[in-house]
Amino acid sequence: MIKAVLFDTFGTIVDWRSSIAREGAAVAAQKGVADFDGDGFARAWRAGYRPGMARVTAGERPWVSIDVIHRERLEEILPQFGLPMLDEDERDHLNRAWHRLTPWPDSVPGLKRIKSKFLISPLSNGSVVLLSTIAKRAGIPWDFIFSSDMHRAFKRNPAVYQNAIRLLGMAPDEIMMTAAHNDDLEAARKEGMRTAYINRPTEYGIDQKVDFEATSDWDIIADSVEGVADGLDCPKI
């Protein structure tokens, strides 16, 4: 019997691409930057996410939070998008756009339904402050938060899933990992967790190369968080 349902956040619960595109466009407008490509800016910024984490995972640098990785990538791309004039405060505010991401429309209603029967939490590469701020701003009803800062590791490192299992004090198959990324679910399944896939084929826009559909026989396969709630027989609210 499942007792807790954990969720990937970037792409699964929140629409980072549209959110970052809007924030970038707003800053560009304030600075008088013409023809700013908000979607391209979001995708270019996100392109530094996995390489930045990979350096930590490979032991090439000490542990840093995802906020540091986001800031380092931002510094790289600002000139490319016509924003090298931003001062320190403006750069810091823009970097915290990742703390202001907007959920997909189905996320909060679906999470409320799932919360009515199970413990729910992110199991995310986001920092504690990032995940808490997103939740507070958007009304995401987490029971608690598992962040990469707690594990000092990033998914898909087995230690992340193992530590969540240990902290919950549950059998692995009493915990369900939910994500829009097949490799995240594969890593969770290897640790004995149950799995739910949510299809988000527009997450990366024109850069999307994978995760157009489920690639394995996950326990639940759905097109929304509401669909996962249906699969778990959660009541309508």
C-alpha atoms as a PDB file:
ATOM      1  CA  MET A   1       0.000   0.000   0.000  1.00  0.00           C
ATOM      2  CA  ILE A   2       1.356   3.409  -0.963  1.00  0.00           C
ATOM      3  CA  LYS A   3       1.762   5.841   1.920  1.00  0.00           C
ATOM      4  CA  ALA A   4       3.687   8.740   0.329  1.00  0.00           C
ATOM      5  CA  VAL A   5       3.857  10.224  -3.157  1.00  0.00           C
ATOM      6  CA  LEU A   6       6.957  12.206  -4.129  1.00  0.00           C
ATOM      7  CA  PHE A   7       7.201  14.530  -7.112  1.00  0.00           C
ATOM      8  CA  ASP A   8       9.823  15.848  -9.424  1.00  0.00           C
ATOM      9  CA  THR A   9       9.228  19.586  -9.671  1.00  0.00           C
ATOM     10  CA  PHE A  10      10.920  21.266 -12.668  1.00  0.00           C
ATOM     11  CA  GLY A  11       8.794  20.347 -15.670  1.00  0.00           C
ATOM     12  CA  THR A  12       6.556  17.926 -13.782  1.00  0.00           C
ATOM     13  CA  ILE A  13       4.793  20.311 -11.376  1.00  0.00           C
ATOM     14  CA  VAL A  14       5.914  23.722 -12.665  1.00  0.00           C
ATOM     15  CA  ASP A  15       6.235  25.114 -16.185  1.00  0.00           C
ATOM     16  CA  TRP A  16       9.755  26.518 -15.947  1.00  0.00           C
ATOM     17  CA  ARG A  17      10.066  27.445 -19.642  1.00  0.00           C
ATOM     18  CA  SER A  18       7.093  29.799 -19.855  1.00  0.00           C
ATOM     19  CA  SER A  19       7.824  31.227 -16.406  1.00  0.00           C
ATOM     20  CA  ILE A  20      11.458  32.046 -17.165  1.00  0.00           C
ATOM     21  CA  ALA A  21      10.574  33.385 -20.621  1.00  0.00           C
ATOM     22  CA  ARG A  22       8.138  35.871 -19.027  1.00  0.00           C
ATOM     23  CA  GLU A  23      10.616  36.985 -16.387  1.00  0.00           C
ATOM     24  CA  GLY A  24      13.380  37.455 -18.952  1.00  0.00           C
ATOM     25  CA  ALA A  25      11.112  39.389 -21.284  1.00  0.00           C
ATOM     26  CA  ALA A  26      10.022  41.697 -18.458  1.00  0.00           C
ATOM     27  CA  VAL A  27      13.635  42.541 -17.611  1.00  0.00           C
ATOM     28  CA  ALA A  28      14.498  43.042 -21.283  1.00  0.00           C
ATOM     29  CA  ALA A  29      11.557  45.419 -21.701  1.00  0.00           C
ATOM     30  CA  GLN A  30      12.675  47.452 -18.683  1.00  0.00           C
ATOM     31  CA  LYS A  31      16.136  47.752 -20.224  1.00  0.00           C
ATOM     32  CA  GLY A  32      14.869  48.617 -23.683  1.00  0.00           C
ATOM     33  CA  VAL A  33      16.227  45.468 -25.309  1.00  0.00           C
ATOM     34  CA  ALA A  34      14.424  44.991 -28.625  1.00  0.00           C
ATOM     35  CA  ASP A  35      13.578  41.627 -30.196  1.00  0.00           C
ATOM     36  CA  PHE A  36      14.300  39.701 -26.996  1.00  0.00           C
ATOM     37  CA  ASP A  37      13.750  35.961 -27.417  1.00  0.00           C
ATOM     38  CA  GLY A  38      12.185  34.975 -24.100  1.00  0.00           C
ATOM     39  CA  ASP A  39      11.688  31.329 -24.995  1.00  0.00           C
ATOM     40  CA  GLY A  40      15.233  31.040 -26.311  1.00  0.00           C
ATOM     41  CA  PHE A  41      16.505  32.696 -23.129  1.00  0.00           C
ATOM     42  CA  ALA A  42      14.663  30.178 -20.966  1.00  0.00           C
ATOM     43  CA  ARG A  43      15.927  27.234 -22.969  1.00  0.00           C
ATOM     44  CA  ALA A  44      19.507  28.532 -23.016  1.00  0.00           C
ATOM     45  CA  TRP A  45      19.445  29.045 -19.259  1.00  0.00           C
ATOM     46  CA  ARG A  46      18.062  25.573 -18.633  1.00  0.00           C
ATOM     47  CA  ALA A  47      20.732  24.089 -20.908  1.00  0.00           C
ATOM     48  CA  GLY A  48      23.276  24.712 -18.148  1.00  0.00           C
ATOM     49  CA  TYR A  49      21.289  22.711 -15.585  1.00  0.00           C
ATOM     50  CA  ARG A  50      22.437  19.159 -16.206  1.00  0.00           C
ATOM     51  CA  PRO A  51      26.071  20.013 -17.074  1.00  0.00           C
ATOM     52  CA  GLY A  52      26.311  22.058 -13.878  1.00  0.00           C
ATOM     53  CA  MET A  53      24.988  19.219 -11.750  1.00  0.00           C
ATOM     54  CA  ALA A  54      27.171  16.687 -13.577  1.00  0.00           C
ATOM     55  CA  ARG A  55      30.339  18.453 -12.422  1.00  0.00           C
ATOM     56  CA  VAL A  56      29.210  18.101  -8.802  1.00  0.00           C
ATOM     57  CA  THR A  57      28.126  14.483  -9.252  1.00  0.00           C
ATOM     58  CA  ALA A  58      31.460  13.610 -10.892  1.00  0.00           C
ATOM     59  CA  GLY A  59      33.381  15.126  -7.987  1.00  0.00           C
ATOM     60  CA  GLU A  60      34.903  17.835 -10.157  1.00  0.00           C
ATOM     61  CA  ARG A  61      33.768  20.509  -7.699  1.00  0.00           C
ATOM     62  CA  PRO A  62      32.439  20.585  -4.119  1.00  0.00           C
ATOM     63  CA  TRP A  63      28.722  20.556  -3.408  1.00  0.00           C
ATOM     64  CA  VAL A  64      26.827  23.679  -4.487  1.00  0.00           C
ATOM     65  CA  SER A  65      23.089  24.245  -4.591  1.00  0.00           C
ATOM     66  CA  ILE A  66      21.109  24.559  -7.797  1.00  0.00           C
ATOM     67  CA  ASP A  67      20.821  28.299  -7.107  1.00  0.00           C
ATOM     68  CA  VAL A  68      24.575  28.620  -7.608  1.00  0.00           C
ATOM     69  CA  ILE A  69      24.440  26.574 -10.799  1.00  0.00           C
ATOM     70  CA  HIS A  70      21.598  28.741 -12.115  1.00  0.00           C
ATOM     71  CA  ARG A  71      23.541  31.923 -11.336  1.00  0.00           C
ATOM     72  CA  GLU A  72      26.704  30.709 -13.042  1.00  0.00           C
ATOM     73  CA  ARG A  73      24.772  29.844 -16.187  1.00  0.00           C
ATOM     74  CA  LEU A  74      22.966  33.207 -16.082  1.00  0.00           C
ATOM     75  CA  GLU A  75      26.313  35.012 -16.114  1.00  0.00           C
ATOM     76  CA  GLU A  76      27.273  33.064 -19.237  1.00  0.00           C
ATOM     77  CA  ILE A  77      24.169  33.896 -21.252  1.00  0.00           C
ATOM     78  CA  LEU A  78      23.387  37.513 -20.315  1.00  0.00           C
ATOM     79  CA  PRO A  79      25.609  39.001 -23.057  1.00  0.00           C
ATOM     80  CA  GLN A  80      24.134  36.649 -25.653  1.00  0.00           C
ATOM     81  CA  PHE A  81      20.643  38.001 -24.943  1.00  0.00           C
ATOM     82  CA  GLY A  82      21.556  41.672 -24.716  1.00  0.00           C
ATOM     83  CA  LEU A  83      21.521  41.987 -20.923  1.00  0.00           C
ATOM     84  CA  PRO A  84      25.157  42.490 -19.872  1.00  0.00           C
ATOM     85  CA  MET A  85      24.221  45.820 -18.240  1.00  0.00           C
ATOM     86  CA  LEU A  86      22.370  44.202 -15.311  1.00  0.00           C
ATOM     87  CA  ASP A  87      23.879  45.119 -11.970  1.00  0.00           C
ATOM     88  CA  GLU A  88      24.336  42.728  -9.051  1.00  0.00           C
ATOM     89  CA  ASP A  89      20.905  43.310  -7.530  1.00  0.00           C
ATOM     90  CA  GLU A  90      19.192  42.904 -10.903  1.00  0.00           C
ATOM     91  CA  ARG A  91      21.093  39.689 -11.588  1.00  0.00           C
ATOM     92  CA  ASP A  92      20.201  38.319  -8.186  1.00  0.00           C
ATOM     93  CA  HIS A  93      16.519  39.152  -8.696  1.00  0.00           C
ATOM     94  CA  LEU A  94      16.506  37.545 -12.132  1.00  0.00           C
ATOM     95  CA  ASN A  95      18.249  34.443 -10.806  1.00  0.00           C
ATOM     96  CA  ARG A  96      15.448  34.086  -8.277  1.00  0.00           C
ATOM     97  CA  ALA A  97      12.987  33.800 -11.145  1.00  0.00           C
ATOM     98  CA  TRP A  98      13.485  30.070 -10.545  1.00  0.00           C
ATOM     99  CA  HIS A  99      11.847  30.654  -7.139  1.00  0.00           C
ATOM    100  CA  ARG A 100       8.787  32.142  -8.847  1.00  0.00           C
ATOM    101  CA  LEU A 101       7.899  29.385 -11.306  1.00  0.00           C
ATOM    102  CA  THR A 102       4.233  28.877 -12.139  1.00  0.00           C
ATOM    103  CA  PRO A 103       2.626  25.427 -11.802  1.00  0.00           C
ATOM    104  CA  TRP A 104       0.941  23.692 -14.700  1.00  0.00           C
ATOM    105  CA  PRO A 105      -2.836  24.266 -14.435  1.00  0.00           C
ATOM    106  CA  ASP A 106      -3.491  20.682 -13.317  1.00  0.00           C
ATOM    107  CA  SER A 107      -0.780  20.588 -10.647  1.00  0.00           C
ATOM    108  CA  VAL A 108      -2.311  22.231  -7.581  1.00  0.00           C
ATOM    109  CA  PRO A 109      -5.799  20.686  -8.000  1.00  0.00           C
ATOM    110  CA  GLY A 110      -4.248  17.254  -8.518  1.00  0.00           C
ATOM    111  CA  LEU A 111      -1.878  17.609  -5.571  1.00  0.00           C
ATOM    112  CA  LYS A 112      -4.738  18.614  -3.270  1.00  0.00           C
ATOM    113  CA  ARG A 113      -6.576  15.452  -4.229  1.00  0.00           C
ATOM    114  CA  ILE A 114      -3.523  13.253  -3.671  1.00  0.00           C
ATOM    115  CA  LYS A 115      -2.769  14.969  -0.352  1.00  0.00           C
ATOM    116  CA  SER A 116      -6.229  13.965   0.865  1.00  0.00           C
ATOM    117  CA  LYS A 117      -5.046  10.325   0.964  1.00  0.00           C
ATOM    118  CA  PHE A 118      -1.240  10.362   1.033  1.00  0.00           C
ATOM    119  CA  LEU A 119       1.746  12.311   2.306  1.00  0.00           C
ATOM    120  CA  ILE A 120       3.098  14.423  -0.552  1.00  0.00           C
ATOM    121  CA  SER A 121       6.454  16.112  -1.083  1.00  0.00           C
ATOM    122  CA  PRO A 122       8.783  17.191  -3.837  1.00  0.00           C
ATOM    123  CA  LEU A 123      11.865  15.047  -4.397  1.00  0.00           C
ATOM    124  CA  SER A 124      13.647  17.655  -6.414  1.00  0.00           C
ATOM    125  CA  ASN A 125      17.017  19.068  -7.373  1.00  0.00           C
ATOM    126  CA  GLY A 126      15.755  22.459  -6.212  1.00  0.00           C
ATOM    127  CA  SER A 127      17.047  24.077  -3.034  1.00  0.00           C
ATOM    128  CA  VAL A 128      15.012  24.259   0.178  1.00  0.00           C
ATOM    129  CA  VAL A 129      14.354  27.972  -0.273  1.00  0.00           C
ATOM    130  CA  LEU A 130      13.514  27.610  -3.974  1.00  0.00           C
ATOM    131  CA  LEU A 131      10.980  24.840  -3.401  1.00  0.00           C
ATOM    132  CA  SER A 132       9.474  26.539  -0.348  1.00  0.00           C
ATOM    133  CA  THR A 133       9.118  29.870  -2.142  1.00  0.00           C
ATOM    134  CA  ILE A 134       7.478  28.321  -5.201  1.00  0.00           C
ATOM    135  CA  ALA A 135       5.044  26.471  -2.944  1.00  0.00           C
ATOM    136  CA  LYS A 136       4.186  29.492  -0.826  1.00  0.00           C
ATOM    137  CA  ARG A 137       3.644  31.724  -3.856  1.00  0.00           C
ATOM    138  CA  ALA A 138       1.602  29.213  -5.857  1.00  0.00           C
ATOM    139  CA  GLY A 139      -0.323  27.492  -3.065  1.00  0.00           C
ATOM    140  CA  ILE A 140       1.308  24.100  -3.597  1.00  0.00           C
ATOM    141  CA  PRO A 141       0.184  22.033  -0.583  1.00  0.00           C
ATOM    142  CA  TRP A 142       3.300  19.997   0.229  1.00  0.00           C
ATOM    143  CA  ASP A 143       3.336  18.169   3.557  1.00  0.00           C
ATOM    144  CA  PHE A 144       7.128  18.597   3.704  1.00  0.00           C
ATOM    145  CA  ILE A 145      10.021  19.194   1.313  1.00  0.00           C
ATOM    146  CA  PHE A 146      12.856  16.949   0.175  1.00  0.00           C
ATOM    147  CA  SER A 147      15.441  19.123  -1.571  1.00  0.00           C
ATOM    148  CA  SER A 148      18.864  18.399  -3.010  1.00  0.00           C
ATOM    149  CA  ASP A 149      20.358  20.448  -0.163  1.00  0.00           C
ATOM    150  CA  MET A 150      19.151  17.793   2.283  1.00  0.00           C
ATOM    151  CA  HIS A 151      20.844  14.984   0.373  1.00  0.00           C
ATOM    152  CA  ARG A 152      23.838  16.997  -0.862  1.00  0.00           C
ATOM    153  CA  ALA A 153      23.329  15.143  -4.116  1.00  0.00           C
ATOM    154  CA  PHE A 154      21.358  15.537  -7.307  1.00  0.00           C
ATOM    155  CA  LYS A 155      19.067  13.086  -9.029  1.00  0.00           C
ATOM    156  CA  ARG A 156      19.743  10.626 -10.630  1.00  0.00           C
ATOM    157  CA  ASN A 157      22.259   9.770  -7.898  1.00  0.00           C
ATOM    158  CA  PRO A 158      20.875   6.713  -6.036  1.00  0.00           C
ATOM    159  CA  ALA A 159      21.666   8.437  -2.730  1.00  0.00           C
ATOM    160  CA  VAL A 160      18.798  10.912  -3.288  1.00  0.00           C
ATOM    161  CA  TYR A 161      16.156   8.181  -3.481  1.00  0.00           C
ATOM    162  CA  GLN A 162      17.785   6.102  -0.746  1.00  0.00           C
ATOM    163  CA  ASN A 163      17.865   9.061   1.628  1.00  0.00           C
ATOM    164  CA  ALA A 164      14.212   9.887   0.999  1.00  0.00           C
ATOM    165  CA  ILE A 165      13.284   6.280   1.781  1.00  0.00           C
ATOM    166  CA  ARG A 166      15.394   6.369   4.954  1.00  0.00           C
ATOM    167  CA  LEU A 167      13.912   9.669   6.153  1.00  0.00           C
ATOM    168  CA  LEU A 168      10.364   8.473   5.556  1.00  0.00           C
ATOM    169  CA  GLY A 169      11.011   5.248   7.454  1.00  0.00           C
ATOM    170  CA  MET A 170       8.867   3.343   4.971  1.00  0.00           C
ATOM    171  CA  ALA A 171       9.401   0.349   2.759  1.00  0.00           C
ATOM    172  CA  PRO A 172      10.492   1.480  -0.728  1.00  0.00           C
ATOM    173  CA  ASP A 173       7.327   0.103  -2.326  1.00  0.00           C
ATOM    174  CA  GLU A 174       5.212   2.218   0.029  1.00  0.00           C
ATOM    175  CA  ILE A 175       6.574   5.311  -1.741  1.00  0.00           C
ATOM    176  CA  MET A 176       5.663   6.443  -5.251  1.00  0.00           C
ATOM    177  CA  MET A 177       7.941   8.671  -7.329  1.00  0.00           C
ATOM    178  CA  THR A 178       6.109  10.837  -9.850  1.00  0.00           C
ATOM    179  CA  ALA A 179       7.898  12.556 -12.724  1.00  0.00           C
ATOM    180  CA  ALA A 180       7.674  13.679 -16.324  1.00  0.00           C
ATOM    181  CA  HIS A 181      11.105  12.160 -16.961  1.00  0.00           C
ATOM    182  CA  ASN A 182      11.552   8.469 -17.640  1.00  0.00           C
ATOM    183  CA  ASP A 183      15.141   8.389 -16.364  1.00  0.00           C
ATOM    184  CA  ASP A 184      14.050   9.820 -12.996  1.00  0.00           C
ATOM    185  CA  LEU A 185      11.508   7.022 -12.644  1.00  0.00           C
ATOM    186  CA  GLU A 186      14.031   4.407 -13.725  1.00  0.00           C
ATOM    187  CA  ALA A 187      16.386   5.568 -10.961  1.00  0.00           C
ATOM    188  CA  ALA A 188      13.556   5.452  -8.414  1.00  0.00           C
ATOM    189  CA  ARG A 189      12.449   2.000  -9.539  1.00  0.00           C
ATOM    190  CA  LYS A 190      15.973   0.673  -9.050  1.00  0.00           C
ATOM    191  CA  GLU A 191      15.637   1.599  -5.375  1.00  0.00           C
ATOM    192  CA  GLY A 192      12.321  -0.267  -5.111  1.00  0.00           C
ATOM    193  CA  MET A 193       9.952   2.702  -5.306  1.00  0.00           C
ATOM    194  CA  ARG A 194       6.640   2.692  -7.147  1.00  0.00           C
ATOM    195  CA  THR A 195       6.395   4.970 -10.162  1.00  0.00           C
ATOM    196  CA  ALA A 196       3.999   7.368 -11.909  1.00  0.00           C
ATOM    197  CA  TYR A 197       4.728   9.068 -15.230  1.00  0.00           C
ATOM    198  CA  ILE A 198       3.145  12.366 -16.289  1.00  0.00           C
ATOM    199  CA  ASN A 199       3.540  13.232 -19.947  1.00  0.00           C
ATOM    200  CA  ARG A 200       4.723  16.830 -20.470  1.00  0.00           C
ATOM    201  CA  PRO A 201       5.749  16.795 -24.160  1.00  0.00           C
ATOM    202  CA  THR A 202       6.034  20.603 -24.356  1.00  0.00           C
ATOM    203  CA  GLU A 203       8.350  21.072 -21.359  1.00  0.00           C
ATOM    204  CA  TYR A 204      11.430  21.986 -23.430  1.00  0.00           C
ATOM    205  CA  GLY A 205       9.621  23.398 -26.453  1.00  0.00           C
ATOM    206  CA  ILE A 206      11.641  22.967 -29.645  1.00  0.00           C
ATOM    207  CA  ASP A 207      14.536  21.556 -27.599  1.00  0.00           C
ATOM    208  CA  GLN A 208      12.523  18.541 -26.412  1.00  0.00           C
ATOM    209  CA  LYS A 209      14.366  15.363 -27.422  1.00  0.00           C
ATOM    210  CA  VAL A 210      12.997  12.759 -24.992  1.00  0.00           C
ATOM    211  CA  ASP A 211       9.995  12.118 -22.725  1.00  0.00           C
ATOM    212  CA  PHE A 212       7.327  12.429 -25.378  1.00  0.00           C
ATOM    213  CA  GLU A 213       5.764   9.312 -23.883  1.00  0.00           C
ATOM    214  CA  ALA A 214       6.284   6.671 -21.219  1.00  0.00           C
ATOM    215  CA  THR A 215       9.099   4.311 -22.148  1.00  0.00           C
ATOM    216  CA  SER A 216       8.379   1.626 -19.546  1.00  0.00           C
ATOM    217  CA  ASP A 217       5.492  -0.026 -17.736  1.00  0.00           C
ATOM    218  CA  TRP A 218       5.297   2.511 -14.909  1.00  0.00           C
ATOM    219  CA  ASP A 219       2.633   1.843 -12.278  1.00  0.00           C
ATOM    220  CA  ILE A 220       0.639   4.887 -13.422  1.00  0.00           C
ATOM    221  CA  ILE A 221       0.883   6.653 -16.782  1.00  0.00           C
ATOM    222  CA  ALA A 222      -1.061   9.908 -17.078  1.00  0.00           C
ATOM    223  CA  ASP A 223      -1.196  13.269 -18.842  1.00  0.00           C
ATOM    224  CA  SER A 224      -1.616  15.345 -15.677  1.00  0.00           C
ATOM    225  CA  VAL A 225      -1.344  15.338 -11.894  1.00  0.00           C
ATOM    226  CA  GLU A 226      -5.120  14.967 -11.902  1.00  0.00           C
ATOM    227  CA  GLY A 227      -4.594  11.770 -13.906  1.00  0.00           C
ATOM    228  CA  VAL A 228      -2.234  10.452 -11.237  1.00  0.00           C
ATOM    229  CA  ALA A 229      -4.890  11.298  -8.624  1.00  0.00           C
ATOM    230  CA  ASP A 230      -7.392   9.295 -10.655  1.00  0.00           C
ATOM    231  CA  GLY A 231      -4.949   6.384 -10.825  1.00  0.00           C
ATOM    232  CA  LEU A 232      -4.593   6.480  -7.038  1.00  0.00           C
ATOM    233  CA  ASP A 233      -8.390   6.587  -6.551  1.00  0.00           C
ATOM    234  CA  CYS A 234      -8.231   9.970  -4.844  1.00  0.00           C
ATOM    235  CA  PRO A 235     -11.572  11.721  -4.344  1.00  0.00           C
ATOM    236  CA  LYS A 236     -12.599  14.706  -6.411  1.00  0.00           C
ATOM    237  CA  ILE A 237     -12.414  18.000  -4.552  1.00  0.00           C
END
